[in-house]
Each structure stands twice: as structure tokens, then as C-alpha cells.
Amino acid sequence: MEFKVFDIGLMNYKDALWFQKEVFKAVHLGLEGPSLILCNHNPVITLGRTAKRENILFPELELEKKGIEVYETERGGGVTYHGPGQLIAYPIFNLARLKKDIHWFLRELEHIVIDLLATFGIQAKKNPDLTGVWLEKGKISSIGIAIKHWITFHGLSINLKKDDLDNFQLIRPCGMDIRMTSLESELNKEVDIEEVKKELIVKFKEIFNFTSVRYTDIRR
């Protein structure tokens, strides 16, 4: 089975969400097969279905002054931050054609991130009680999805750039007092997002047993 990759680059969260929903419609109507959206966002705080506003530690007016938007979303999970120093992947997959098992899908997403980090010499792990991917020094990847008609949307983020970690101090990530880390922090050197992106596509292809990839670059 072929899957399609849409690389939309750096995009405001609102515009990326619109694009994500357009791809969702196409997959639901059978006009597209499994699709993966890759991007990063201008600074934004998002609240999942179980999020509590008190886990945003600064008033929204102050966040606006910092240029940080706030959005409520349909994904699972609590409060998180997205920024240009992350790589974000939104898989729009019809689980009816893969496996109708949400728990399995979440574990596969964790597996993808762990395998990706291993290619850079980083040993990561799952937490049996918490969704996401963790290192000894903190959390490096957040995962939160939504599903309608057995089609997935939203997805995962991986912290790559160490200079984009400070904004996590504006929130309690997922309602917890946890330390966030990044690939650059662990490697102690600069990371090329494009290199990581290519490896991530490979891992999606391998883990979900797709036969081929159709890559579409629609960055502005």
C-alpha cells in the first residue's frame, strides 16, 4: 500500500489544522489513501480534550504579547506547546484498512519515534502509564490523536531544537511537572530538521508496512 506525504513546512496552527481536515475529508471519501502531513508551527499552545486551563501558567494576554497563540483541539491529552524547533507529524490513516485498534496505533507511533531516535544514537523508551516517548533526562515526544470514522488525525511532535524548549515553561505539559528535552540537547550539536524528516518518513513506511511513498512538497 502506498502512502502520501504532504510537507507543508512552517505554518500557523490554524492553517495547518484546516489543511489537515481537508486531507481527512479526502481520505474519508476514498480520494486519498494513507496520508502523512509533516510540518512545524509558529509558537502555539494547544489544549487537548482532557486539558485544564490552569495548566497554562501565564495569562493569555501575556502570551499574545509573546506572539504565542492558544487553541483548543479535538486531540487526546492535555496542554502542550508547539514551535518551529519541533518536527510534527499528522498521520491521516484509515484504521479500518490497517487495524481497528487505537491502543495499537498509539504504541506504533511511539515505536516510530523510538526507532527514529535510535538512528541518531539516542536510546528512548515508552512509559507504560503515559503516552509519549521519554529519555532519562525528560520527555522528547508528545502524542495526541483524534479518530472519526476510524480515520486518525492530529498526531505527534518531536522536540529537535534546544532553543525552542524555553516556552514549555509557560505550561505544565500534559498537566505534569516534567522536564522536556530535545534531540539537540541530547546530542550536544545542531540537528538538521530536513535530515530528521527523511528518517521519519522511512520509519512510517517500515512500521506500517507501506510499499511506497509519494512525497509532495507544498511548502510556501
N, C-alpha and C. Protein backbone atom coordinates (compact mmCIF):
# COMPACT_ATOMS: atom_id res chain seq x y z
N MET A 1 0.84 -1.20 0.00
CA MET A 1 0.00 0.00 0.00
C MET A 1 0.88 1.25 0.00
N GLU A 2 0.60 2.18 -0.89
CA GLU A 2 1.34 3.44 -0.95
C GLU A 2 0.81 4.42 0.08
N PHE A 3 1.69 5.24 0.62
CA PHE A 3 1.19 6.34 1.42
C PHE A 3 1.78 7.65 0.93
N LYS A 4 1.02 8.73 1.14
CA LYS A 4 1.39 10.03 0.60
C LYS A 4 1.86 10.93 1.73
N VAL A 5 2.94 11.67 1.47
CA VAL A 5 3.48 12.61 2.44
C VAL A 5 3.27 14.02 1.91
N PHE A 6 2.62 14.85 2.70
CA PHE A 6 2.47 16.27 2.39
C PHE A 6 3.40 17.05 3.31
N ASP A 7 4.40 17.69 2.75
CA ASP A 7 5.32 18.51 3.53
C ASP A 7 4.87 19.96 3.40
N ILE A 8 4.29 20.49 4.49
CA ILE A 8 3.74 21.85 4.44
C ILE A 8 4.64 22.86 5.14
N GLY A 9 5.75 22.42 5.72
CA GLY A 9 6.73 23.32 6.31
C GLY A 9 6.21 24.08 7.51
N LEU A 10 6.80 25.27 7.73
CA LEU A 10 6.40 26.11 8.87
C LEU A 10 5.07 26.79 8.56
N MET A 11 4.07 26.52 9.40
CA MET A 11 2.72 27.03 9.14
C MET A 11 2.03 27.31 10.46
N ASN A 12 1.25 28.39 10.50
CA ASN A 12 0.43 28.68 11.67
C ASN A 12 -0.47 27.49 11.98
N TYR A 13 -0.73 27.28 13.26
CA TYR A 13 -1.51 26.11 13.67
C TYR A 13 -2.89 26.10 13.01
N LYS A 14 -3.55 27.25 12.96
CA LYS A 14 -4.90 27.32 12.40
C LYS A 14 -4.91 26.88 10.95
N ASP A 15 -3.94 27.35 10.16
CA ASP A 15 -3.89 26.99 8.74
C ASP A 15 -3.55 25.51 8.56
N ALA A 16 -2.65 25.02 9.40
CA ALA A 16 -2.29 23.60 9.32
C ALA A 16 -3.46 22.71 9.70
N LEU A 17 -4.27 23.15 10.67
CA LEU A 17 -5.45 22.38 11.06
C LEU A 17 -6.46 22.33 9.93
N TRP A 18 -6.63 23.46 9.24
CA TRP A 18 -7.53 23.48 8.07
C TRP A 18 -7.04 22.48 7.02
N PHE A 19 -5.75 22.50 6.73
CA PHE A 19 -5.20 21.59 5.73
C PHE A 19 -5.39 20.14 6.17
N GLN A 20 -5.16 19.90 7.44
CA GLN A 20 -5.32 18.54 7.99
C GLN A 20 -6.75 18.04 7.79
N LYS A 21 -7.71 18.90 8.01
CA LYS A 21 -9.11 18.49 7.87
C LYS A 21 -9.49 18.28 6.41
N GLU A 22 -8.86 19.03 5.50
CA GLU A 22 -9.09 18.80 4.08
C GLU A 22 -8.57 17.43 3.65
N VAL A 23 -7.39 17.07 4.14
CA VAL A 23 -6.83 15.74 3.84
C VAL A 23 -7.71 14.66 4.47
N PHE A 24 -8.18 14.92 5.70
CA PHE A 24 -9.08 13.97 6.36
C PHE A 24 -10.31 13.70 5.48
N LYS A 25 -10.91 14.75 4.94
CA LYS A 25 -12.09 14.58 4.08
C LYS A 25 -11.75 13.72 2.87
N ALA A 26 -10.59 13.98 2.28
CA ALA A 26 -10.19 13.22 1.08
C ALA A 26 -9.99 11.74 1.41
N VAL A 27 -9.39 11.46 2.57
CA VAL A 27 -9.20 10.06 2.98
C VAL A 27 -10.55 9.42 3.28
N HIS A 28 -11.42 10.15 3.94
CA HIS A 28 -12.75 9.62 4.28
C HIS A 28 -13.56 9.29 3.02
N LEU A 29 -13.41 10.11 1.99
CA LEU A 29 -14.15 9.90 0.74
C LEU A 29 -13.47 8.90 -0.19
N GLY A 30 -12.29 8.42 0.21
CA GLY A 30 -11.57 7.46 -0.62
C GLY A 30 -10.78 8.10 -1.75
N LEU A 31 -10.65 9.43 -1.71
CA LEU A 31 -9.90 10.14 -2.75
C LEU A 31 -8.39 10.07 -2.50
N GLU A 32 -8.02 9.85 -1.26
CA GLU A 32 -6.62 9.68 -0.89
C GLU A 32 -6.50 8.43 -0.02
N GLY A 33 -5.33 7.78 -0.12
CA GLY A 33 -5.03 6.68 0.77
C GLY A 33 -4.39 7.20 2.04
N PRO A 34 -3.63 6.37 2.75
CA PRO A 34 -2.96 6.83 3.97
C PRO A 34 -2.11 8.07 3.66
N SER A 35 -2.26 9.09 4.49
CA SER A 35 -1.57 10.36 4.23
C SER A 35 -0.89 10.84 5.50
N LEU A 36 0.29 11.42 5.33
CA LEU A 36 1.08 11.93 6.45
C LEU A 36 1.42 13.39 6.17
N ILE A 37 1.05 14.26 7.08
CA ILE A 37 1.38 15.68 6.98
C ILE A 37 2.57 15.97 7.89
N LEU A 38 3.61 16.57 7.33
CA LEU A 38 4.79 16.96 8.11
C LEU A 38 4.87 18.48 8.15
N CYS A 39 5.16 19.02 9.33
CA CYS A 39 5.24 20.47 9.46
C CYS A 39 5.92 20.85 10.77
N ASN A 40 6.06 22.14 10.95
CA ASN A 40 6.30 22.70 12.27
C ASN A 40 5.47 23.98 12.36
N HIS A 41 5.28 24.46 13.57
CA HIS A 41 4.35 25.57 13.78
C HIS A 41 5.05 26.79 14.36
N ASN A 42 4.48 27.95 14.06
CA ASN A 42 4.83 29.13 14.83
C ASN A 42 4.35 28.90 16.27
N PRO A 43 4.96 29.55 17.26
CA PRO A 43 4.67 29.24 18.66
C PRO A 43 3.18 29.21 18.98
N VAL A 44 2.74 28.11 19.56
CA VAL A 44 1.33 27.92 19.88
C VAL A 44 1.20 26.96 21.06
N ILE A 45 0.22 27.20 21.89
CA ILE A 45 -0.15 26.28 22.97
C ILE A 45 -1.49 25.67 22.60
N THR A 46 -1.58 24.35 22.65
CA THR A 46 -2.85 23.68 22.34
C THR A 46 -3.35 22.90 23.54
N LEU A 47 -4.65 22.83 23.65
CA LEU A 47 -5.30 22.11 24.74
C LEU A 47 -6.07 20.94 24.16
N GLY A 48 -5.73 19.73 24.62
CA GLY A 48 -6.45 18.54 24.21
C GLY A 48 -7.75 18.37 24.98
N ARG A 49 -8.40 17.25 24.74
CA ARG A 49 -9.73 17.03 25.31
C ARG A 49 -9.74 16.99 26.84
N THR A 50 -8.64 16.59 27.47
CA THR A 50 -8.60 16.49 28.93
C THR A 50 -7.83 17.65 29.56
N ALA A 51 -7.50 18.67 28.78
CA ALA A 51 -6.68 19.77 29.27
C ALA A 51 -7.44 20.65 30.27
N LYS A 52 -6.70 21.20 31.21
CA LYS A 52 -7.23 22.16 32.17
C LYS A 52 -6.51 23.49 31.96
N ARG A 53 -7.30 24.56 31.90
CA ARG A 53 -6.75 25.89 31.63
C ARG A 53 -5.69 26.30 32.65
N GLU A 54 -5.82 25.81 33.89
CA GLU A 54 -4.86 26.22 34.92
C GLU A 54 -3.45 25.69 34.65
N ASN A 55 -3.34 24.75 33.70
CA ASN A 55 -2.01 24.25 33.34
C ASN A 55 -1.30 25.15 32.33
N ILE A 56 -1.97 26.22 31.92
CA ILE A 56 -1.30 27.33 31.23
C ILE A 56 -0.93 28.33 32.31
N LEU A 57 0.34 28.55 32.53
CA LEU A 57 0.81 29.26 33.71
C LEU A 57 0.89 30.76 33.56
N PHE A 58 0.59 31.28 32.36
CA PHE A 58 0.64 32.72 32.13
C PHE A 58 -0.68 33.17 31.52
N PRO A 59 -1.13 34.40 31.81
CA PRO A 59 -2.37 34.91 31.22
C PRO A 59 -2.26 34.96 29.70
N GLU A 60 -3.39 34.75 29.02
CA GLU A 60 -3.39 34.74 27.56
C GLU A 60 -2.94 36.08 26.98
N LEU A 61 -3.23 37.19 27.67
CA LEU A 61 -2.81 38.50 27.18
C LEU A 61 -1.28 38.57 27.14
N GLU A 62 -0.64 38.01 28.17
CA GLU A 62 0.82 37.99 28.20
C GLU A 62 1.38 37.07 27.12
N LEU A 63 0.68 35.96 26.87
CA LEU A 63 1.11 35.06 25.80
C LEU A 63 0.99 35.73 24.44
N GLU A 64 -0.07 36.51 24.25
CA GLU A 64 -0.25 37.25 22.99
C GLU A 64 0.91 38.21 22.77
N LYS A 65 1.35 38.87 23.84
CA LYS A 65 2.48 39.79 23.72
C LYS A 65 3.75 39.06 23.30
N LYS A 66 3.85 37.77 23.69
CA LYS A 66 4.99 36.96 23.31
C LYS A 66 4.82 36.35 21.91
N GLY A 67 3.65 36.58 21.30
CA GLY A 67 3.38 36.03 19.98
C GLY A 67 2.99 34.57 19.99
N ILE A 68 2.41 34.13 21.11
CA ILE A 68 2.04 32.72 21.26
C ILE A 68 0.51 32.61 21.27
N GLU A 69 -0.03 31.85 20.31
CA GLU A 69 -1.47 31.64 20.23
C GLU A 69 -1.89 30.48 21.12
N VAL A 70 -3.18 30.42 21.42
CA VAL A 70 -3.74 29.34 22.23
C VAL A 70 -4.96 28.78 21.50
N TYR A 71 -5.02 27.44 21.35
CA TYR A 71 -6.14 26.79 20.67
C TYR A 71 -6.61 25.57 21.44
N GLU A 72 -7.92 25.42 21.50
CA GLU A 72 -8.50 24.16 21.97
C GLU A 72 -8.61 23.22 20.78
N THR A 73 -8.31 21.93 20.99
CA THR A 73 -8.29 20.99 19.88
C THR A 73 -9.10 19.74 20.22
N GLU A 74 -9.27 18.89 19.20
CA GLU A 74 -10.02 17.64 19.37
C GLU A 74 -9.15 16.47 19.80
N ARG A 75 -7.84 16.68 19.82
CA ARG A 75 -6.94 15.56 20.12
C ARG A 75 -7.07 15.13 21.57
N GLY A 76 -6.59 13.94 21.85
CA GLY A 76 -6.50 13.48 23.22
C GLY A 76 -5.36 14.18 23.94
N GLY A 77 -5.40 14.11 25.27
CA GLY A 77 -4.30 14.64 26.07
C GLY A 77 -4.58 16.02 26.62
N GLY A 78 -3.55 16.59 27.28
CA GLY A 78 -3.69 17.86 27.97
C GLY A 78 -3.09 19.01 27.20
N VAL A 79 -2.39 19.86 27.93
CA VAL A 79 -1.79 21.07 27.36
C VAL A 79 -0.40 20.75 26.82
N THR A 80 -0.09 21.27 25.65
CA THR A 80 1.28 21.14 25.14
C THR A 80 1.64 22.39 24.35
N TYR A 81 2.91 22.48 24.02
CA TYR A 81 3.44 23.60 23.25
C TYR A 81 3.99 23.06 21.93
N HIS A 82 3.78 23.83 20.86
CA HIS A 82 4.40 23.53 19.56
C HIS A 82 5.15 24.77 19.08
N GLY A 83 6.29 24.53 18.47
CA GLY A 83 7.08 25.64 17.96
C GLY A 83 7.90 25.25 16.75
N PRO A 84 8.62 26.21 16.19
CA PRO A 84 9.39 25.94 14.97
C PRO A 84 10.54 24.97 15.16
N GLY A 85 10.93 24.72 16.40
CA GLY A 85 12.02 23.78 16.66
C GLY A 85 11.60 22.35 16.81
N GLN A 86 10.35 22.06 16.49
CA GLN A 86 9.84 20.68 16.53
C GLN A 86 9.62 20.17 15.12
N LEU A 87 9.55 18.86 15.01
CA LEU A 87 9.02 18.22 13.80
C LEU A 87 7.69 17.60 14.20
N ILE A 88 6.66 17.94 13.45
CA ILE A 88 5.31 17.47 13.78
C ILE A 88 4.81 16.59 12.64
N ALA A 89 4.18 15.49 13.01
CA ALA A 89 3.65 14.54 12.03
C ALA A 89 2.19 14.28 12.33
N TYR A 90 1.34 14.50 11.34
CA TYR A 90 -0.09 14.23 11.46
C TYR A 90 -0.47 13.08 10.52
N PRO A 91 -0.55 11.85 11.01
CA PRO A 91 -0.96 10.74 10.14
C PRO A 91 -2.48 10.70 9.98
N ILE A 92 -2.93 10.73 8.75
CA ILE A 92 -4.36 10.62 8.45
C ILE A 92 -4.54 9.22 7.85
N PHE A 93 -4.76 8.26 8.72
CA PHE A 93 -4.81 6.85 8.33
C PHE A 93 -6.19 6.27 8.62
N ASN A 94 -6.68 5.46 7.71
CA ASN A 94 -7.93 4.75 7.92
C ASN A 94 -7.60 3.43 8.61
N LEU A 95 -7.87 3.36 9.91
CA LEU A 95 -7.52 2.16 10.67
C LEU A 95 -8.35 0.95 10.24
N ALA A 96 -9.47 1.18 9.58
CA ALA A 96 -10.26 0.07 9.07
C ALA A 96 -9.49 -0.71 8.02
N ARG A 97 -8.50 -0.05 7.41
CA ARG A 97 -7.67 -0.71 6.39
C ARG A 97 -6.32 -1.16 6.96
N LEU A 98 -6.05 -0.82 8.21
CA LEU A 98 -4.81 -1.23 8.85
C LEU A 98 -5.12 -2.18 10.01
N LYS A 99 -5.64 -1.60 11.09
CA LYS A 99 -6.04 -2.41 12.25
C LYS A 99 -6.92 -1.54 13.12
N LYS A 100 -8.13 -2.02 13.41
CA LYS A 100 -9.07 -1.24 14.20
C LYS A 100 -8.74 -1.35 15.68
N ASP A 101 -7.66 -0.68 16.06
CA ASP A 101 -7.18 -0.78 17.43
C ASP A 101 -6.44 0.52 17.76
N ILE A 102 -7.07 1.37 18.55
CA ILE A 102 -6.49 2.67 18.88
C ILE A 102 -5.23 2.51 19.73
N HIS A 103 -5.28 1.60 20.70
CA HIS A 103 -4.12 1.36 21.56
C HIS A 103 -2.93 0.92 20.71
N TRP A 104 -3.17 0.00 19.77
CA TRP A 104 -2.10 -0.46 18.87
C TRP A 104 -1.52 0.71 18.08
N PHE A 105 -2.38 1.58 17.58
CA PHE A 105 -1.91 2.70 16.77
C PHE A 105 -1.02 3.63 17.58
N LEU A 106 -1.42 3.95 18.81
CA LEU A 106 -0.61 4.81 19.67
C LEU A 106 0.75 4.20 19.95
N ARG A 107 0.76 2.89 20.22
CA ARG A 107 2.04 2.22 20.50
C ARG A 107 2.93 2.21 19.26
N GLU A 108 2.32 2.10 18.08
CA GLU A 108 3.11 2.14 16.85
C GLU A 108 3.73 3.52 16.63
N LEU A 109 3.00 4.57 16.97
CA LEU A 109 3.57 5.91 16.86
C LEU A 109 4.76 6.06 17.81
N GLU A 110 4.64 5.55 19.01
CA GLU A 110 5.77 5.57 19.94
C GLU A 110 6.94 4.78 19.38
N HIS A 111 6.64 3.65 18.81
CA HIS A 111 7.67 2.78 18.22
C HIS A 111 8.43 3.54 17.12
N ILE A 112 7.71 4.28 16.30
CA ILE A 112 8.32 5.05 15.22
C ILE A 112 9.32 6.05 15.78
N VAL A 113 8.92 6.78 16.81
CA VAL A 113 9.81 7.79 17.39
C VAL A 113 11.03 7.14 18.03
N ILE A 114 10.83 6.04 18.73
CA ILE A 114 11.95 5.35 19.37
C ILE A 114 12.94 4.85 18.33
N ASP A 115 12.43 4.28 17.24
CA ASP A 115 13.31 3.81 16.16
C ASP A 115 14.03 4.97 15.49
N LEU A 116 13.32 6.08 15.32
CA LEU A 116 13.93 7.27 14.72
C LEU A 116 15.09 7.76 15.57
N LEU A 117 14.87 7.89 16.85
CA LEU A 117 15.92 8.39 17.74
C LEU A 117 17.11 7.44 17.79
N ALA A 118 16.83 6.16 17.65
CA ALA A 118 17.91 5.17 17.66
C ALA A 118 18.87 5.38 16.50
N THR A 119 18.36 5.88 15.36
CA THR A 119 19.24 6.14 14.22
C THR A 119 20.23 7.26 14.51
N PHE A 120 19.93 8.07 15.51
CA PHE A 120 20.83 9.15 15.93
C PHE A 120 21.61 8.77 17.19
N GLY A 121 21.53 7.49 17.57
CA GLY A 121 22.28 7.01 18.72
C GLY A 121 21.65 7.33 20.06
N ILE A 122 20.37 7.67 20.06
CA ILE A 122 19.66 8.02 21.29
C ILE A 122 18.75 6.87 21.71
N GLN A 123 18.92 6.41 22.94
CA GLN A 123 18.07 5.33 23.45
C GLN A 123 16.87 5.93 24.17
N ALA A 124 15.70 5.74 23.59
CA ALA A 124 14.47 6.26 24.16
C ALA A 124 13.58 5.11 24.61
N LYS A 125 12.52 5.45 25.31
CA LYS A 125 11.66 4.39 25.85
C LYS A 125 10.22 4.88 25.97
N LYS A 126 9.32 3.91 26.08
CA LYS A 126 7.93 4.19 26.37
C LYS A 126 7.74 4.24 27.89
N ASN A 127 6.66 4.87 28.30
CA ASN A 127 6.23 4.83 29.70
C ASN A 127 4.93 4.06 29.72
N PRO A 128 4.86 2.94 30.45
CA PRO A 128 3.64 2.12 30.40
C PRO A 128 2.39 2.84 30.88
N ASP A 129 2.56 3.94 31.61
CA ASP A 129 1.41 4.66 32.16
C ASP A 129 1.08 5.95 31.42
N LEU A 130 1.99 6.39 30.54
CA LEU A 130 1.82 7.68 29.88
C LEU A 130 2.15 7.57 28.40
N THR A 131 1.33 8.17 27.57
CA THR A 131 1.60 8.18 26.14
C THR A 131 2.72 9.17 25.83
N GLY A 132 3.60 8.81 24.90
CA GLY A 132 4.71 9.67 24.53
C GLY A 132 6.01 8.89 24.54
N VAL A 133 7.11 9.60 24.30
CA VAL A 133 8.43 8.96 24.28
C VAL A 133 9.36 9.75 25.20
N TRP A 134 10.14 9.00 25.97
CA TRP A 134 10.90 9.57 27.07
C TRP A 134 12.38 9.18 26.99
N LEU A 135 13.22 10.06 27.52
CA LEU A 135 14.63 9.77 27.74
C LEU A 135 14.89 9.88 29.25
N GLU A 136 16.08 9.53 29.65
CA GLU A 136 16.42 9.64 31.07
C GLU A 136 16.30 11.08 31.56
N LYS A 137 16.60 12.04 30.67
CA LYS A 137 16.62 13.45 31.07
C LYS A 137 15.28 14.14 30.87
N GLY A 138 14.27 13.46 30.33
CA GLY A 138 12.98 14.10 30.15
C GLY A 138 12.22 13.57 28.96
N LYS A 139 11.11 14.22 28.67
CA LYS A 139 10.23 13.82 27.58
C LYS A 139 10.68 14.51 26.29
N ILE A 140 10.72 13.75 25.20
CA ILE A 140 11.19 14.30 23.93
C ILE A 140 10.09 14.31 22.86
N SER A 141 9.05 13.53 23.06
CA SER A 141 7.99 13.45 22.04
C SER A 141 6.62 13.35 22.70
N SER A 142 5.70 14.17 22.22
CA SER A 142 4.32 14.15 22.71
C SER A 142 3.41 13.59 21.63
N ILE A 143 2.40 12.84 22.04
CA ILE A 143 1.48 12.20 21.11
C ILE A 143 0.04 12.46 21.57
N GLY A 144 -0.77 12.93 20.66
CA GLY A 144 -2.19 13.13 20.94
C GLY A 144 -2.97 13.03 19.65
N ILE A 145 -3.91 12.12 19.59
CA ILE A 145 -4.64 11.89 18.35
C ILE A 145 -6.15 12.06 18.55
N ALA A 146 -6.84 12.11 17.44
CA ALA A 146 -8.29 12.03 17.41
C ALA A 146 -8.66 11.03 16.32
N ILE A 147 -9.83 10.44 16.44
CA ILE A 147 -10.30 9.45 15.46
C ILE A 147 -11.78 9.66 15.18
N LYS A 148 -12.12 9.74 13.90
CA LYS A 148 -13.52 9.76 13.47
C LYS A 148 -13.66 8.81 12.30
N HIS A 149 -14.71 8.02 12.32
CA HIS A 149 -14.95 7.03 11.26
C HIS A 149 -13.73 6.10 11.11
N TRP A 150 -13.02 5.87 12.20
CA TRP A 150 -11.81 5.05 12.22
C TRP A 150 -10.66 5.68 11.43
N ILE A 151 -10.76 6.97 11.16
CA ILE A 151 -9.68 7.68 10.50
C ILE A 151 -8.99 8.57 11.53
N THR A 152 -7.68 8.47 11.59
CA THR A 152 -6.91 9.22 12.57
C THR A 152 -6.58 10.62 12.08
N PHE A 153 -6.45 11.54 13.01
CA PHE A 153 -5.86 12.84 12.71
C PHE A 153 -5.22 13.39 13.98
N HIS A 154 -4.62 14.57 13.89
CA HIS A 154 -3.64 15.04 14.88
C HIS A 154 -2.49 14.02 14.90
N GLY A 155 -1.66 13.98 15.93
CA GLY A 155 -0.53 13.06 15.82
C GLY A 155 0.56 13.26 16.84
N LEU A 156 1.80 13.50 16.38
CA LEU A 156 2.94 13.52 17.29
C LEU A 156 3.85 14.70 16.99
N SER A 157 4.59 15.10 18.02
CA SER A 157 5.63 16.12 17.85
C SER A 157 6.91 15.61 18.50
N ILE A 158 8.04 15.98 17.89
CA ILE A 158 9.35 15.59 18.40
C ILE A 158 10.16 16.86 18.59
N ASN A 159 10.68 17.05 19.79
CA ASN A 159 11.49 18.23 20.07
C ASN A 159 12.89 18.04 19.47
N LEU A 160 13.25 18.92 18.55
CA LEU A 160 14.54 18.82 17.89
C LEU A 160 15.51 19.91 18.35
N LYS A 161 15.08 21.16 18.36
CA LYS A 161 15.95 22.29 18.63
C LYS A 161 15.95 22.66 20.12
N LYS A 162 17.13 22.78 20.70
CA LYS A 162 17.20 23.08 22.13
C LYS A 162 16.75 24.50 22.45
N ASP A 163 16.86 25.43 21.47
CA ASP A 163 16.47 26.80 21.74
C ASP A 163 14.96 27.01 21.67
N ASP A 164 14.20 25.95 21.46
CA ASP A 164 12.74 26.05 21.43
C ASP A 164 12.11 25.34 22.63
N LEU A 165 12.91 25.10 23.66
CA LEU A 165 12.39 24.42 24.85
C LEU A 165 11.87 25.39 25.91
N ASP A 166 12.35 26.63 25.89
CA ASP A 166 12.01 27.58 26.96
C ASP A 166 10.51 27.80 27.09
N ASN A 167 9.79 27.77 25.96
CA ASN A 167 8.35 28.04 26.02
C ASN A 167 7.56 26.95 26.74
N PHE A 168 8.15 25.79 26.94
CA PHE A 168 7.48 24.76 27.75
C PHE A 168 7.32 25.22 29.20
N GLN A 169 8.10 26.22 29.61
CA GLN A 169 7.99 26.74 30.97
C GLN A 169 6.72 27.56 31.16
N LEU A 170 6.04 27.86 30.06
CA LEU A 170 4.79 28.59 30.14
C LEU A 170 3.62 27.71 30.53
N ILE A 171 3.83 26.40 30.52
CA ILE A 171 2.75 25.44 30.77
C ILE A 171 3.23 24.32 31.71
N ARG A 172 2.27 23.53 32.15
CA ARG A 172 2.57 22.24 32.77
C ARG A 172 2.24 21.19 31.71
N PRO A 173 3.23 20.69 30.99
CA PRO A 173 2.94 19.78 29.86
C PRO A 173 2.12 18.57 30.30
N CYS A 174 0.98 18.41 29.64
CA CYS A 174 0.06 17.30 29.96
C CYS A 174 -0.34 17.32 31.43
N GLY A 175 -0.30 18.50 32.04
CA GLY A 175 -0.71 18.63 33.43
C GLY A 175 0.28 18.09 34.44
N MET A 176 1.53 17.93 34.03
CA MET A 176 2.54 17.35 34.91
C MET A 176 3.76 18.25 35.01
N ASP A 177 4.45 18.12 36.12
CA ASP A 177 5.70 18.85 36.30
C ASP A 177 6.83 17.98 35.77
N ILE A 178 7.03 18.05 34.47
CA ILE A 178 8.03 17.20 33.83
C ILE A 178 9.01 18.07 33.06
N ARG A 179 10.20 17.56 32.87
CA ARG A 179 11.22 18.25 32.10
C ARG A 179 11.12 17.80 30.66
N MET A 180 11.20 18.76 29.75
CA MET A 180 11.22 18.43 28.33
C MET A 180 12.66 18.54 27.82
N THR A 181 13.01 17.67 26.90
CA THR A 181 14.33 17.71 26.30
C THR A 181 14.21 17.69 24.79
N SER A 182 15.33 17.78 24.10
CA SER A 182 15.32 17.83 22.64
C SER A 182 16.46 16.98 22.10
N LEU A 183 16.40 16.70 20.80
CA LEU A 183 17.45 15.92 20.17
C LEU A 183 18.78 16.68 20.21
N GLU A 184 18.75 17.98 19.98
CA GLU A 184 19.98 18.76 20.05
C GLU A 184 20.58 18.75 21.46
N SER A 185 19.71 18.81 22.48
CA SER A 185 20.20 18.79 23.86
C SER A 185 20.91 17.49 24.16
N GLU A 186 20.38 16.40 23.62
CA GLU A 186 20.95 15.08 23.89
C GLU A 186 22.24 14.85 23.10
N LEU A 187 22.27 15.33 21.86
CA LEU A 187 23.45 15.12 21.01
C LEU A 187 24.53 16.17 21.23
N ASN A 188 24.11 17.29 21.83
CA ASN A 188 25.03 18.42 22.06
C ASN A 188 25.62 18.94 20.75
N LYS A 189 24.78 18.96 19.73
CA LYS A 189 25.18 19.53 18.45
C LYS A 189 23.93 19.91 17.67
N GLU A 190 24.12 20.71 16.63
CA GLU A 190 22.98 21.17 15.83
C GLU A 190 22.39 20.01 15.03
N VAL A 191 21.07 20.02 14.93
CA VAL A 191 20.34 18.98 14.20
C VAL A 191 19.66 19.59 12.98
N ASP A 192 19.77 18.92 11.86
CA ASP A 192 19.12 19.35 10.61
C ASP A 192 17.72 18.75 10.56
N ILE A 193 16.70 19.61 10.62
CA ILE A 193 15.32 19.13 10.61
C ILE A 193 15.03 18.32 9.36
N GLU A 194 15.59 18.72 8.21
CA GLU A 194 15.32 18.01 6.97
C GLU A 194 15.85 16.57 7.03
N GLU A 195 16.98 16.38 7.67
CA GLU A 195 17.54 15.04 7.82
C GLU A 195 16.62 14.17 8.69
N VAL A 196 16.15 14.75 9.78
CA VAL A 196 15.24 14.01 10.66
C VAL A 196 13.94 13.68 9.94
N LYS A 197 13.47 14.61 9.15
CA LYS A 197 12.22 14.42 8.40
C LYS A 197 12.32 13.20 7.47
N LYS A 198 13.45 13.12 6.77
CA LYS A 198 13.63 11.99 5.85
C LYS A 198 13.63 10.66 6.60
N GLU A 199 14.28 10.63 7.75
CA GLU A 199 14.31 9.40 8.55
C GLU A 199 12.93 9.06 9.09
N LEU A 200 12.16 10.08 9.45
CA LEU A 200 10.81 9.83 9.98
C LEU A 200 9.92 9.20 8.91
N ILE A 201 10.02 9.68 7.68
CA ILE A 201 9.24 9.09 6.59
C ILE A 201 9.59 7.61 6.42
N VAL A 202 10.87 7.31 6.48
CA VAL A 202 11.32 5.91 6.37
C VAL A 202 10.71 5.06 7.48
N LYS A 203 10.71 5.59 8.70
CA LYS A 203 10.18 4.81 9.83
C LYS A 203 8.68 4.57 9.70
N PHE A 204 7.93 5.57 9.22
CA PHE A 204 6.50 5.35 8.99
C PHE A 204 6.29 4.26 7.94
N LYS A 205 7.09 4.30 6.90
CA LYS A 205 6.97 3.29 5.84
C LYS A 205 7.25 1.90 6.39
N GLU A 206 8.29 1.78 7.21
CA GLU A 206 8.67 0.47 7.75
C GLU A 206 7.66 -0.06 8.75
N ILE A 207 7.28 0.77 9.71
CA ILE A 207 6.42 0.30 10.81
C ILE A 207 5.04 -0.10 10.31
N PHE A 208 4.50 0.66 9.35
CA PHE A 208 3.15 0.36 8.85
C PHE A 208 3.16 -0.48 7.57
N ASN A 209 4.35 -0.94 7.18
CA ASN A 209 4.48 -1.85 6.03
C ASN A 209 3.91 -1.27 4.74
N PHE A 210 4.11 0.02 4.53
CA PHE A 210 3.71 0.62 3.27
C PHE A 210 4.72 0.22 2.18
N THR A 211 4.24 0.04 0.98
CA THR A 211 5.11 -0.43 -0.10
C THR A 211 5.89 0.70 -0.76
N SER A 212 5.33 1.91 -0.75
CA SER A 212 5.99 3.02 -1.42
C SER A 212 5.52 4.34 -0.81
N VAL A 213 6.27 5.40 -1.13
CA VAL A 213 5.98 6.73 -0.61
C VAL A 213 5.82 7.70 -1.78
N ARG A 214 4.80 8.53 -1.73
CA ARG A 214 4.62 9.60 -2.70
C ARG A 214 4.76 10.92 -1.97
N TYR A 215 5.86 11.61 -2.17
CA TYR A 215 6.20 12.82 -1.42
C TYR A 215 5.77 14.06 -2.20
N THR A 216 5.04 14.95 -1.53
CA THR A 216 4.60 16.20 -2.14
C THR A 216 5.05 17.36 -1.28
N ASP A 217 5.91 18.21 -1.85
CA ASP A 217 6.42 19.37 -1.13
C ASP A 217 5.55 20.57 -1.49
N ILE A 218 4.77 21.05 -0.52
CA ILE A 218 3.91 22.21 -0.77
C ILE A 218 4.25 23.34 0.19
N ARG A 219 5.50 23.40 0.60
CA ARG A 219 5.95 24.49 1.47
C ARG A 219 5.85 25.82 0.73
N ARG A 220 5.49 26.84 1.47
CA ARG A 220 5.33 28.17 0.90
C ARG A 220 6.70 28.81 0.69
